[in-house]
Amino acid sequence: MIQHMVMMKFAASADAAQRAECVRRMAALPEQIDFLKDYDVGVDELNIATSWDVGMLIRFESMEQLTEFRDHPAHRSAQQYSMPYIASMASVDFELASAPAH
């Protein structure tokens, strides 16, 4: 299983409506991509110096599924809309360790 994590900071020029629309489009992806089962997107609650504005966590069954998500038209559309309003973005993808045996 692959954990995909993304953090985004909005550009100072992005207004509240543009920011909300970016988050709305990201949050709507599971309705458009049937294999997204373990998917969370949220807006930062703390607003401290080290905070990012938006975070996204997605688990994929395989690296192939992550690639399929990355190239999916719905993801590309949300990304294309959002990029003009994003000042910086970071992501990391890693294999999750197996659950410990009980």
Protein backbone atom coordinates (compact mmCIF):
# COMPACT_ATOMS: atom_id res chain seq x y z
CA MET A 1 0.00 0.00 0.00
CA ILE A 2 1.27 3.49 -0.93
CA GLN A 3 0.65 6.63 1.14
CA HIS A 4 0.49 9.83 -0.93
CA MET A 5 0.77 13.09 1.03
CA VAL A 6 0.46 16.58 -0.46
CA MET A 7 0.73 19.98 1.23
CA MET A 8 -0.08 23.28 -0.47
CA LYS A 9 0.30 26.96 0.31
CA PHE A 10 -1.94 29.39 -1.48
CA ALA A 11 -0.55 32.44 -3.23
CA ALA A 12 -1.18 35.68 -1.36
CA SER A 13 -3.19 36.84 -4.39
CA ALA A 14 -5.68 33.93 -4.12
CA ASP A 15 -8.92 35.21 -2.63
CA ALA A 16 -11.23 33.26 -0.32
CA ALA A 17 -13.53 32.12 -3.15
CA GLN A 18 -10.61 30.84 -5.24
CA ARG A 19 -9.17 28.99 -2.25
CA ALA A 20 -12.53 27.42 -1.43
CA GLU A 21 -13.02 26.33 -5.05
CA CYS A 22 -9.57 24.67 -5.08
CA VAL A 23 -10.46 22.69 -1.95
CA ARG A 24 -13.93 21.85 -3.28
CA ARG A 25 -12.46 20.44 -6.49
CA MET A 26 -9.92 18.37 -4.57
CA ALA A 27 -12.59 17.10 -2.18
CA ALA A 28 -14.81 16.07 -5.12
CA LEU A 29 -12.22 13.72 -6.66
CA PRO A 30 -13.50 10.52 -4.97
CA GLU A 31 -16.86 11.08 -6.66
CA GLN A 32 -15.09 11.14 -10.03
CA ILE A 33 -12.39 8.48 -9.55
CA ASP A 34 -13.91 5.19 -8.42
CA PHE A 35 -10.77 3.64 -6.93
CA LEU A 36 -10.24 6.48 -4.41
CA LYS A 37 -11.39 4.85 -1.18
CA ASP A 38 -9.03 6.16 1.51
CA TYR A 39 -8.94 9.88 0.69
CA ASP A 40 -8.84 12.97 2.91
CA VAL A 41 -8.37 16.64 2.13
CA GLY A 42 -8.52 19.44 4.67
CA VAL A 43 -7.70 23.05 5.44
CA ASP A 44 -5.18 23.90 8.14
CA GLU A 45 -6.70 24.66 11.53
CA LEU A 46 -3.70 26.19 13.34
CA ASN A 47 -2.47 28.90 10.95
CA ILE A 48 1.00 29.03 12.51
CA ALA A 49 4.25 29.92 10.75
CA THR A 50 5.08 26.31 9.87
CA SER A 51 1.58 25.44 8.63
CA TRP A 52 0.61 24.70 5.07
CA ASP A 53 -2.85 25.84 3.93
CA VAL A 54 -4.20 22.53 2.61
CA GLY A 55 -3.25 18.91 3.13
CA MET A 56 -4.26 15.79 1.25
CA LEU A 57 -3.76 12.14 2.23
CA ILE A 58 -4.54 9.28 -0.13
CA ARG A 59 -3.78 5.58 0.15
CA PHE A 60 -3.33 3.52 -2.99
CA GLU A 61 -3.17 -0.23 -3.42
CA SER A 62 -0.10 0.08 -5.67
CA MET A 63 2.28 2.49 -7.35
CA GLU A 64 0.40 1.76 -10.59
CA GLN A 65 -2.81 3.03 -9.00
CA LEU A 66 -1.00 6.21 -7.88
CA THR A 67 0.18 6.71 -11.45
CA GLU A 68 -3.37 6.16 -12.70
CA PHE A 69 -4.60 8.82 -10.24
CA ARG A 70 -1.86 11.25 -11.25
CA ASP A 71 -2.84 10.94 -14.92
CA HIS A 72 -6.63 10.76 -14.43
CA PRO A 73 -8.53 13.55 -16.26
CA ALA A 74 -10.46 14.56 -13.10
CA HIS A 75 -7.21 14.97 -11.14
CA ARG A 76 -5.60 16.85 -14.02
CA SER A 77 -8.60 19.17 -14.19
CA ALA A 78 -8.53 19.96 -10.46
CA GLN A 79 -4.77 20.45 -10.65
CA GLN A 80 -5.03 22.73 -13.70
CA TYR A 81 -7.65 24.90 -11.98
CA SER A 82 -5.69 25.11 -8.71
CA MET A 83 -2.12 25.71 -9.88
CA PRO A 84 -2.49 29.47 -10.57
CA TYR A 85 -3.55 29.91 -6.93
CA ILE A 86 -0.82 27.75 -5.37
CA ALA A 87 2.43 29.42 -4.27
CA SER A 88 4.16 26.20 -3.22
CA MET A 89 3.47 22.52 -2.94
CA ALA A 90 5.25 19.52 -1.45
CA SER A 91 4.48 15.84 -1.75
CA VAL A 92 5.83 12.52 -0.59
CA ASP A 93 4.89 8.97 -1.56
CA PHE A 94 5.98 5.99 0.50
CA GLU A 95 5.22 2.32 1.02
CA LEU A 96 3.31 1.63 4.20
CA ALA A 97 4.69 -1.00 6.50
CA SER A 98 2.56 -4.09 6.94
CA ALA A 99 0.25 -4.10 9.92
CA PRO A 100 1.80 -5.95 12.86
CA ALA A 101 0.57 -9.49 13.42
CA HIS A 102 -1.55 -9.98 16.55
